Amino acid sequence: MNYEYNAYITRVIDGDTFEANIDLGFNVSFKAILRLKDIDTPETWRPSCDAERKHGEAATRFVESLILGQNVKIVTYKAGAGIYGRFTADIIIEDGRNLRNLLIDGGFKKKINMRI
């Protein structure tokens, strides 16, 4: 089962993880850490190599340019938080595009082995 909410992105942690204030309705909001569903971007924390770190930083900047300080729609796919306290979601930006698809199209999906 999935749920849709309006949210405001307050922080981009890395290319696939964000912090948001989620509007639950009735003047109630919830601060949560969200992780994009079905995508892993290159790591900025403990990367496997310098190339992965640089690619991860580029992914983070790309995402910041699209959603930081913006209102978005989130679609959640899990009733509770995952192992690291993050909720899995799709992020739909104001023009209707899915952030996950933009990351894939931009070449930011993590490769199995970043070592060159």
Protein backbone atom coordinates (compact mmCIF):
# COMPACT_ATOMS: atom_id res chain seq x y z
CA MET A 1 0.00 0.00 0.00
CA ASN A 2 1.26 3.50 -0.71
CA TYR A 3 0.35 6.97 0.54
CA GLU A 4 0.83 10.42 -0.98
CA TYR A 5 1.78 13.52 1.01
CA ASN A 6 2.91 17.06 0.36
CA ALA A 7 6.32 17.78 1.83
CA TYR A 8 8.98 20.45 2.06
CA ILE A 9 12.62 19.34 1.64
CA THR A 10 14.78 20.81 4.40
CA ARG A 11 18.06 18.95 3.81
CA VAL A 12 19.72 16.79 1.18
CA ILE A 13 21.93 14.23 2.89
CA ASP A 14 23.20 12.66 -0.32
CA GLY A 15 21.88 11.78 -3.76
CA ASP A 16 19.24 9.35 -2.52
CA THR A 17 18.51 10.49 1.06
CA PHE A 18 16.73 13.64 2.26
CA GLU A 19 15.08 15.21 5.26
CA ALA A 20 11.56 16.59 4.85
CA ASN A 21 8.73 18.16 6.75
CA ILE A 22 5.73 16.10 5.68
CA ASP A 23 2.24 17.62 5.78
CA LEU A 24 -0.09 15.04 7.32
CA GLY A 25 -3.12 17.33 7.13
CA PHE A 26 -5.17 18.86 9.96
CA ASN A 27 -2.28 21.25 10.70
CA VAL A 28 -0.01 18.32 11.61
CA SER A 29 3.47 17.82 10.17
CA PHE A 30 6.11 15.15 10.61
CA LYS A 31 9.86 15.50 10.15
CA ALA A 32 11.36 12.41 8.50
CA ILE A 33 14.40 11.14 6.69
CA LEU A 34 13.41 9.70 3.33
CA ARG A 35 15.30 7.40 0.99
CA LEU A 36 14.44 7.11 -2.68
CA LYS A 37 12.79 3.85 -3.65
CA ASP A 38 14.74 1.45 -5.89
CA ILE A 39 17.87 3.52 -6.48
CA ASP A 40 21.29 3.81 -4.90
CA THR A 41 23.47 6.78 -5.79
CA PRO A 42 27.26 6.84 -5.36
CA GLU A 43 28.39 7.25 -1.76
CA THR A 44 29.74 10.46 -0.26
CA TRP A 45 30.28 8.89 3.17
CA ARG A 46 32.76 6.01 3.09
CA PRO A 47 33.03 5.78 -0.69
CA SER A 48 34.91 2.85 -2.18
CA CYS A 49 37.24 5.19 -4.08
CA ASP A 50 37.81 8.84 -4.99
CA ALA A 51 35.84 8.49 -8.23
CA GLU A 52 32.78 7.30 -6.29
CA ARG A 53 33.10 10.20 -3.82
CA LYS A 54 33.27 12.76 -6.65
CA HIS A 55 30.33 11.16 -8.46
CA GLY A 56 28.37 11.06 -5.18
CA GLU A 57 29.05 14.75 -4.56
CA ALA A 58 27.83 15.53 -8.09
CA ALA A 59 24.65 13.53 -7.45
CA THR A 60 24.09 15.42 -4.20
CA ARG A 61 24.52 18.81 -5.93
CA PHE A 62 22.15 17.69 -8.71
CA VAL A 63 19.46 16.72 -6.19
CA GLU A 64 19.97 19.91 -4.17
CA SER A 65 19.37 21.97 -7.30
CA LEU A 66 16.03 20.21 -7.85
CA ILE A 67 14.47 19.79 -4.41
CA LEU A 68 16.28 21.60 -1.59
CA GLY A 69 13.93 24.19 -0.13
CA GLN A 70 11.15 23.05 -2.46
CA ASN A 71 7.66 21.68 -2.02
CA VAL A 72 7.34 18.15 -3.42
CA LYS A 73 4.92 15.26 -3.38
CA ILE A 74 6.14 12.09 -1.72
CA VAL A 75 4.72 8.64 -2.29
CA THR A 76 5.59 6.24 0.53
CA TYR A 77 5.76 2.47 0.16
CA LYS A 78 6.38 1.22 3.67
CA ALA A 79 4.36 1.72 6.84
CA GLY A 80 7.42 2.14 9.08
CA ALA A 81 10.98 3.30 8.96
CA GLY A 82 13.66 0.98 7.66
CA ILE A 83 16.82 -0.25 9.35
CA TYR A 84 18.43 3.22 9.46
CA GLY A 85 15.23 5.06 10.44
CA ARG A 86 14.48 6.13 6.87
CA PHE A 87 11.18 5.86 5.05
CA THR A 88 11.23 4.67 1.43
CA ALA A 89 9.53 7.02 -1.01
CA ASP A 90 9.31 8.41 -4.49
CA ILE A 91 9.80 12.16 -4.77
CA ILE A 92 7.70 13.94 -7.36
CA ILE A 93 8.95 17.47 -8.02
CA GLU A 94 6.59 20.37 -8.75
CA ASP A 95 6.59 19.86 -12.54
CA GLY A 96 5.48 16.23 -12.10
CA ARG A 97 8.80 14.50 -12.80
CA ASN A 98 10.01 11.63 -10.62
CA LEU A 99 13.37 12.37 -8.96
CA ARG A 100 14.48 8.73 -9.23
CA ASN A 101 14.04 8.83 -13.02
CA LEU A 102 15.95 12.11 -13.24
CA LEU A 103 18.87 10.59 -11.33
CA ILE A 104 18.92 7.55 -13.61
CA ASP A 105 18.70 9.71 -16.75
CA GLY A 106 21.50 11.91 -15.36
CA GLY A 107 23.80 8.90 -14.91
CA PHE A 108 23.76 8.99 -11.10
CA LYS A 109 22.65 5.42 -10.43
CA LYS A 110 25.45 3.70 -8.49
CA LYS A 111 27.51 1.24 -10.46
CA ILE A 112 28.36 -2.12 -8.90
CA ASN A 113 32.09 -1.27 -8.77
CA MET A 114 33.18 2.36 -8.96
CA ARG A 115 36.90 1.57 -9.04
CA ILE A 116 38.51 2.66 -12.28
